[in-house]
Amino acid sequence: MTRLVQIKKGTVRRVALVEEPKLRLLDNSSSIYELAHIAIAASMKLSELVRRRAGQDTLDYNLIYSGGSEWRLLPAIDHPDEAARCMLSGTGLTHLGSARDRQSMHATTTEGLTDSMKMFRWGVDGGRPEAGQIGIPPEWFYKGTASALRAHGEPLVIPSYAEDGGEEAEIAGVYVIARDGRPYRVGMAVGNEFSDHQFEKKNYLNLAASKLRTCALGPELVLDQEFKSIPVVATIERQGKVHWTKSFRTGESEMCHSLQNIEHHHFKLEAHRRPGDVHVHFFGTDCLSFSDHIRLQDGDVMQVAAEGYGRPLRNRVRADKSAPALVTVVPLQ
């Protein structure tokens, strides 16, 4: 497997190849975004370009990962010039457990199947079409731009206006749009999609706004990992001890929608094929600590570890406890 990280020291950015326990710096490479477009223009695999640019200099990965170095990890992808050119989005109700949790969250004693469970069943029936065919669309949501994207070691924030914050351990696909408007999958990375589940629970129509929170990606981008059946472990640490942990599997074998179907329905939209853009798309999860009645607190540490996806992603919860401030709009008359 080829695994890459983006790192930064002051104003200097570099891309490095993971060679545990070292990071091998790539020559003349400041962003994965730049490397991806070079590979596209040269009609070559990104992994081959990485091998050609692997230099002689190495860094201590342990020191950087633990935060003890001047170098710090960046998200596994970004747009190096414009954060707004990197879209964050996701697909829900892709795993059996996600449908079960959503059904439990929104069901009442007077109704049978919720809209969530109905959509999940539609996915089971039509989310894995034959080759060359188009299947039923999955649930889709928008999470913002790269201004909301955080790296390994950076905090994820529960805003003062939020009702809660909860981890969502997932794998995310990373894409760039070429000059001709064609989408290319650069690789995949472990992610924490992070949402306000308490706000969503009040009413399903709150789902869209509950997703507009910070999220995390990385630390490593995997270029050539299979997306079939991947063991994932989500962990919440509180005051230095494991407070909650659960394991599940993700990947096409564990989902009701195929990867091709998810990608088609995301990139069929012309607005999602703007040349030069970056896309980070979360593929969904099969477990939430929220479903086990865990409420994250300020200082908790969330960890997401996926087999074959490099080192775990760790982020601390930071709760903004200030009073929500009224935002007023100034009329321009």
Protein backbone atom coordinates (compact mmCIF):
# COMPACT_ATOMS: atom_id res chain seq x y z
CA MET A 1 0.00 0.00 0.00
CA THR A 2 1.03 3.58 -0.68
CA ARG A 3 0.22 5.91 2.23
CA LEU A 4 0.87 9.64 2.16
CA VAL A 5 0.76 12.47 4.69
CA GLN A 6 0.81 16.22 4.32
CA ILE A 7 2.88 18.12 6.84
CA LYS A 8 3.69 21.76 7.53
CA LYS A 9 6.35 23.71 9.42
CA GLY A 10 5.76 27.44 9.49
CA THR A 11 4.96 28.37 5.92
CA VAL A 12 6.65 25.30 4.43
CA ARG A 13 4.47 22.41 3.26
CA ARG A 14 5.68 18.95 2.24
CA VAL A 15 4.22 15.60 1.21
CA ALA A 16 5.79 12.47 2.65
CA LEU A 17 5.54 8.74 2.03
CA VAL A 18 4.83 6.64 5.12
CA GLU A 19 7.63 4.14 5.76
CA GLU A 20 7.04 3.21 9.39
CA PRO A 21 8.41 4.49 11.68
CA LYS A 22 9.71 7.15 9.29
CA LEU A 23 8.26 9.61 6.81
CA ARG A 24 10.16 9.86 3.54
CA LEU A 25 9.88 13.35 2.06
CA LEU A 26 8.95 13.63 -1.61
CA ASP A 27 11.08 15.94 -3.71
CA ASN A 28 9.42 19.09 -5.06
CA SER A 29 6.04 18.17 -3.56
CA SER A 30 4.06 20.55 -1.36
CA SER A 31 0.54 19.11 -1.68
CA ILE A 32 -1.23 15.92 -2.66
CA TYR A 33 -3.56 18.11 -4.73
CA GLU A 34 -0.65 19.22 -6.90
CA LEU A 35 0.67 15.66 -7.25
CA ALA A 36 -2.76 14.37 -8.29
CA HIS A 37 -3.05 16.91 -11.11
CA ILE A 38 0.48 16.17 -12.30
CA ALA A 39 -0.36 12.45 -12.43
CA ILE A 40 -3.57 13.15 -14.36
CA ALA A 41 -1.77 15.35 -16.90
CA ALA A 42 0.92 12.68 -17.38
CA SER A 43 -1.63 9.81 -17.60
CA MET A 44 0.18 7.92 -14.88
CA LYS A 45 -0.74 6.38 -11.53
CA LEU A 46 -0.23 8.61 -8.54
CA SER A 47 1.58 5.79 -6.73
CA GLU A 48 4.14 5.66 -9.54
CA LEU A 49 4.67 9.43 -9.37
CA VAL A 50 5.20 9.11 -5.63
CA ARG A 51 7.85 6.44 -6.10
CA ARG A 52 9.69 8.62 -8.62
CA ARG A 53 9.71 11.59 -6.25
CA ALA A 54 10.71 9.74 -3.09
CA GLY A 55 13.80 11.54 -1.81
CA GLN A 56 16.60 10.77 0.64
CA ASP A 57 15.40 12.83 3.60
CA THR A 58 13.29 11.22 6.32
CA LEU A 59 11.54 12.43 9.46
CA ASP A 60 10.55 10.73 12.72
CA TYR A 61 6.85 9.90 12.28
CA ASN A 62 6.35 9.16 15.99
CA LEU A 63 7.48 12.65 16.94
CA ILE A 64 5.23 14.35 14.40
CA TYR A 65 2.21 12.14 15.16
CA SER A 66 2.47 12.83 18.89
CA GLY A 67 2.75 16.59 18.38
CA GLY A 68 6.35 16.79 19.59
CA SER A 69 7.85 18.15 16.37
CA GLU A 70 7.93 21.53 14.66
CA TRP A 71 6.30 19.71 11.76
CA ARG A 72 2.56 19.18 12.16
CA LEU A 73 0.16 16.98 10.28
CA LEU A 74 -2.36 18.52 7.89
CA PRO A 75 -5.60 16.87 6.75
CA ALA A 76 -4.96 14.04 4.29
CA ILE A 77 -6.18 16.33 1.48
CA ASP A 78 -6.94 20.01 1.05
CA HIS A 79 -7.01 22.65 -1.63
CA PRO A 80 -3.68 24.43 -1.04
CA ASP A 81 -4.96 27.80 -2.29
CA GLU A 82 -8.73 28.06 -1.66
CA ALA A 83 -10.51 26.25 1.18
CA ALA A 84 -13.85 26.98 -0.50
CA ARG A 85 -12.80 24.82 -3.47
CA CYS A 86 -12.87 21.71 -1.25
CA MET A 87 -16.39 20.35 -0.68
CA LEU A 88 -17.23 18.13 2.29
CA SER A 89 -20.22 15.81 1.88
CA GLY A 90 -21.44 12.37 2.85
CA THR A 91 -23.78 9.48 2.27
CA GLY A 92 -25.99 8.13 5.06
CA LEU A 93 -28.02 4.97 5.58
CA THR A 94 -25.40 2.90 3.79
CA HIS A 95 -24.86 0.36 6.62
CA LEU A 96 -27.44 -1.82 8.37
CA GLY A 97 -26.53 -0.36 11.75
CA SER A 98 -26.95 3.23 10.57
CA ALA A 99 -30.50 2.46 9.48
CA ARG A 100 -31.25 0.73 12.77
CA ASP A 101 -29.94 3.66 14.79
CA ARG A 102 -31.84 6.20 12.70
CA GLN A 103 -35.05 4.15 12.94
CA SER A 104 -34.70 4.10 16.71
CA MET A 105 -33.93 7.82 16.80
CA HIS A 106 -37.01 8.92 14.86
CA ALA A 107 -39.62 6.18 15.37
CA THR A 108 -42.73 6.83 17.44
CA THR A 109 -45.32 4.49 18.85
CA THR A 110 -47.84 5.57 16.19
CA GLU A 111 -45.84 4.87 13.07
CA GLY A 112 -44.28 1.85 11.45
CA LEU A 113 -41.25 2.34 9.26
CA THR A 114 -39.66 5.77 9.32
CA ASP A 115 -38.59 7.50 6.12
CA SER A 116 -35.03 6.56 7.10
CA MET A 117 -35.80 2.85 7.14
CA LYS A 118 -37.77 3.12 3.92
CA MET A 119 -34.80 4.79 2.21
CA PHE A 120 -32.47 2.15 3.59
CA ARG A 121 -34.66 -0.63 2.17
CA TRP A 122 -34.71 1.11 -1.19
CA GLY A 123 -30.93 1.01 -1.03
CA VAL A 124 -30.96 -2.71 -0.26
CA ASP A 125 -33.21 -3.29 -3.28
CA GLY A 126 -31.51 -0.94 -5.75
CA GLY A 127 -28.23 0.37 -4.39
CA ARG A 128 -26.00 -2.23 -6.03
CA PRO A 129 -26.89 -2.16 -9.74
CA GLU A 130 -25.34 -4.34 -12.40
CA ALA A 131 -22.25 -3.02 -14.17
CA GLY A 132 -23.16 -0.17 -16.49
CA GLN A 133 -26.50 0.44 -14.80
CA ILE A 134 -27.65 3.26 -12.52
CA GLY A 135 -29.01 2.37 -9.10
CA ILE A 136 -31.25 4.21 -6.67
CA PRO A 137 -29.76 7.37 -5.11
CA PRO A 138 -28.48 7.12 -1.53
CA GLU A 139 -29.17 9.69 1.17
CA TRP A 140 -26.79 12.62 0.60
CA PHE A 141 -25.78 15.55 2.80
CA TYR A 142 -23.52 18.59 2.67
CA LYS A 143 -20.99 19.29 5.43
CA GLY A 144 -19.37 22.49 4.25
CA THR A 145 -15.96 23.35 2.85
CA ALA A 146 -12.41 22.71 4.00
CA SER A 147 -12.74 25.58 6.48
CA ALA A 148 -14.51 22.94 8.64
CA LEU A 149 -11.89 20.24 8.02
CA ARG A 150 -9.44 19.39 10.81
CA ALA A 151 -6.28 17.28 10.97
CA HIS A 152 -5.19 14.57 13.37
CA GLY A 153 -4.60 16.13 16.78
CA GLU A 154 -6.77 19.18 16.20
CA PRO A 155 -9.94 19.67 18.28
CA LEU A 156 -13.47 19.17 16.97
CA VAL A 157 -15.78 21.82 18.35
CA ILE A 158 -19.24 21.62 19.85
CA PRO A 159 -20.39 25.20 19.16
CA SER A 160 -22.25 27.20 21.78
CA TYR A 161 -25.42 27.02 19.66
CA ALA A 162 -25.23 23.22 19.28
CA GLU A 163 -27.14 20.75 21.40
CA ASP A 164 -24.54 17.99 21.26
CA GLY A 165 -21.56 16.62 19.38
CA GLY A 166 -20.85 13.03 18.50
CA GLU A 167 -18.21 11.05 16.65
CA GLU A 168 -18.97 9.27 13.39
CA ALA A 169 -16.17 6.85 12.54
CA GLU A 170 -16.04 6.47 8.77
CA ILE A 171 -13.92 6.03 5.68
CA ALA A 172 -13.95 8.97 3.28
CA GLY A 173 -13.19 9.09 -0.41
CA VAL A 174 -10.89 11.85 -1.68
CA TYR A 175 -11.39 13.19 -5.21
CA VAL A 176 -10.09 15.89 -7.53
CA ILE A 177 -11.77 17.23 -10.66
CA ALA A 178 -9.52 17.37 -13.71
CA ARG A 179 -9.39 20.22 -16.22
CA ASP A 180 -11.87 18.39 -18.47
CA GLY A 181 -14.39 18.04 -15.63
CA ARG A 182 -13.75 14.36 -15.02
CA PRO A 183 -13.64 13.23 -11.36
CA TYR A 184 -10.67 11.16 -10.18
CA ARG A 185 -10.53 9.21 -6.94
CA VAL A 186 -7.15 10.02 -5.40
CA GLY A 187 -7.50 7.67 -2.43
CA MET A 188 -9.28 7.11 0.86
CA ALA A 189 -8.68 8.07 4.46
CA VAL A 190 -10.08 7.37 7.88
CA GLY A 191 -12.38 10.13 9.08
CA ASN A 192 -14.52 11.43 11.92
CA GLU A 193 -17.61 13.00 10.37
CA PHE A 194 -18.84 14.48 13.70
CA SER A 195 -22.45 15.65 13.97
CA ASP A 196 -25.06 17.02 16.37
CA HIS A 197 -27.19 13.91 16.93
CA GLN A 198 -29.27 15.40 19.73
CA PHE A 199 -30.41 18.22 17.44
CA GLU A 200 -31.20 15.73 14.67
CA LYS A 201 -33.17 13.52 17.06
CA LYS A 202 -35.69 16.30 17.70
CA ASN A 203 -36.79 16.21 14.07
CA TYR A 204 -35.43 14.46 11.02
CA LEU A 205 -35.59 17.77 9.13
CA ASN A 206 -32.79 18.99 11.39
CA LEU A 207 -30.40 16.50 9.74
CA ALA A 208 -29.06 19.03 7.23
CA ALA A 209 -28.12 21.59 9.88
CA SER A 210 -26.82 18.92 12.29
CA LYS A 211 -24.10 18.07 9.77
CA LEU A 212 -22.67 21.60 9.60
CA ARG A 213 -19.93 21.01 12.15
CA THR A 214 -16.18 20.56 12.10
CA CYS A 215 -14.92 17.12 11.05
CA ALA A 216 -11.54 15.42 10.75
CA LEU A 217 -9.66 13.48 8.09
CA GLY A 218 -6.42 11.57 8.13
CA PRO A 219 -3.72 11.42 9.17
CA GLU A 220 -2.91 9.26 6.13
CA LEU A 221 -4.24 9.08 2.59
CA VAL A 222 -4.22 5.50 1.26
CA LEU A 223 -3.88 5.34 -2.52
CA ASP A 224 -4.45 1.68 -3.32
CA GLN A 225 -6.40 0.05 -0.50
CA GLU A 226 -9.35 -2.25 -1.29
CA PHE A 227 -12.75 -1.01 -0.09
CA LYS A 228 -14.43 -4.34 0.59
CA SER A 229 -14.67 -5.27 4.28
CA ILE A 230 -12.59 -3.10 6.58
CA PRO A 231 -12.49 -3.52 10.38
CA VAL A 232 -12.96 -0.19 12.17
CA VAL A 233 -12.69 0.55 15.89
CA ALA A 234 -14.15 3.73 17.40
CA THR A 235 -13.03 4.72 20.90
CA ILE A 236 -13.90 7.49 23.34
CA GLU A 237 -11.33 8.27 26.04
CA ARG A 238 -12.26 10.28 29.12
CA GLN A 239 -9.69 11.48 31.63
CA GLY A 240 -7.09 9.13 30.18
CA LYS A 241 -9.23 5.98 30.29
CA VAL A 242 -11.35 4.18 27.69
CA HIS A 243 -14.94 5.32 28.31
CA TRP A 244 -16.55 3.58 25.31
CA THR A 245 -15.39 1.52 22.37
CA LYS A 246 -17.03 -0.45 19.60
CA SER A 247 -15.89 -2.19 16.43
CA PHE A 248 -17.67 -2.68 13.12
CA ARG A 249 -16.89 -3.28 9.46
CA THR A 250 -17.25 -0.89 6.57
CA GLY A 251 -16.72 -1.24 2.83
CA GLU A 252 -18.77 -2.43 -0.11
CA SER A 253 -19.37 -5.89 1.34
CA GLU A 254 -20.95 -4.29 4.42
CA MET A 255 -23.07 -1.69 2.60
CA CYS A 256 -26.30 -1.61 0.65
CA HIS A 257 -24.88 0.83 -1.91
CA SER A 258 -21.92 0.06 -4.14
CA LEU A 259 -19.04 2.51 -4.32
CA GLN A 260 -19.76 3.08 -8.01
CA ASN A 261 -23.38 3.94 -7.25
CA ILE A 262 -22.43 6.38 -4.48
CA GLU A 263 -19.87 8.06 -6.73
CA HIS A 264 -22.24 8.27 -9.69
CA HIS A 265 -24.97 10.01 -7.72
CA HIS A 266 -22.51 12.48 -6.22
CA PHE A 267 -20.74 13.39 -9.44
CA LYS A 268 -23.78 13.28 -11.76
CA LEU A 269 -24.40 16.86 -10.62
CA GLU A 270 -22.67 19.34 -12.92
CA ALA A 271 -21.84 21.59 -9.95
CA HIS A 272 -19.79 18.72 -8.49
CA ARG A 273 -17.59 18.48 -11.57
CA ARG A 274 -16.04 21.94 -11.55
CA PRO A 275 -12.43 21.69 -12.80
CA GLY A 276 -9.88 22.14 -10.04
CA ASP A 277 -12.19 21.33 -7.12
CA VAL A 278 -11.50 18.83 -4.33
CA HIS A 279 -14.19 16.59 -2.83
CA VAL A 280 -14.14 14.70 0.48
CA HIS A 281 -17.09 12.31 0.72
CA PHE A 282 -17.86 10.30 3.87
CA PHE A 283 -19.26 6.82 3.21
CA GLY A 284 -21.19 6.28 6.44
CA THR A 285 -20.83 4.34 9.67
CA ASP A 286 -22.34 1.36 11.45
CA CYS A 287 -22.12 2.55 15.05
CA LEU A 288 -22.41 5.69 17.15
CA SER A 289 -21.60 6.22 20.80
CA PHE A 290 -24.74 8.40 20.86
CA SER A 291 -26.83 5.26 20.28
CA ASP A 292 -25.32 3.80 23.46
CA HIS A 293 -26.38 6.92 25.40
CA ILE A 294 -22.85 8.37 25.50
CA ARG A 295 -22.70 12.17 25.56
CA LEU A 296 -19.32 13.61 24.68
CA GLN A 297 -17.78 16.08 27.09
CA ASP A 298 -15.17 18.79 26.79
CA GLY A 299 -11.75 17.13 26.83
CA ASP A 300 -12.87 13.70 25.62
CA VAL A 301 -10.62 12.17 22.98
CA MET A 302 -12.18 10.46 19.96
CA GLN A 303 -10.14 7.85 18.10
CA VAL A 304 -10.94 6.17 14.79
CA ALA A 305 -8.77 3.27 13.66
CA ALA A 306 -9.31 1.35 10.42
CA GLU A 307 -7.28 -1.70 9.45
CA GLY A 308 -5.03 -0.93 6.49
CA TYR A 309 -5.52 2.83 6.75
CA GLY A 310 -2.45 3.72 8.74
CA ARG A 311 -2.27 5.29 12.17
CA PRO A 312 -5.47 6.13 14.06
CA LEU A 313 -7.11 9.53 13.80
CA ARG A 314 -7.32 11.21 17.22
CA ASN A 315 -9.16 14.44 18.00
CA ARG A 316 -10.11 16.05 21.28
CA VAL A 317 -13.61 17.41 21.89
CA ARG A 318 -13.75 21.11 22.65
CA ALA A 319 -17.09 22.41 23.89
CA ASP A 320 -17.72 26.13 23.52
CA LYS A 321 -19.54 26.92 26.76
CA SER A 322 -20.10 30.59 26.07
CA ALA A 323 -23.64 31.89 25.75
CA PRO A 324 -24.93 31.84 22.17
CA ALA A 325 -24.68 35.32 20.67
CA LEU A 326 -27.41 36.78 18.52
CA VAL A 327 -26.23 37.35 14.95
CA THR A 328 -27.80 40.37 13.31
CA VAL A 329 -27.78 41.26 9.66
CA VAL A 330 -26.99 44.84 8.66
CA PRO A 331 -29.32 46.10 5.91
CA LEU A 332 -27.36 47.72 3.10
CA GLN A 333 -29.67 50.49 2.03
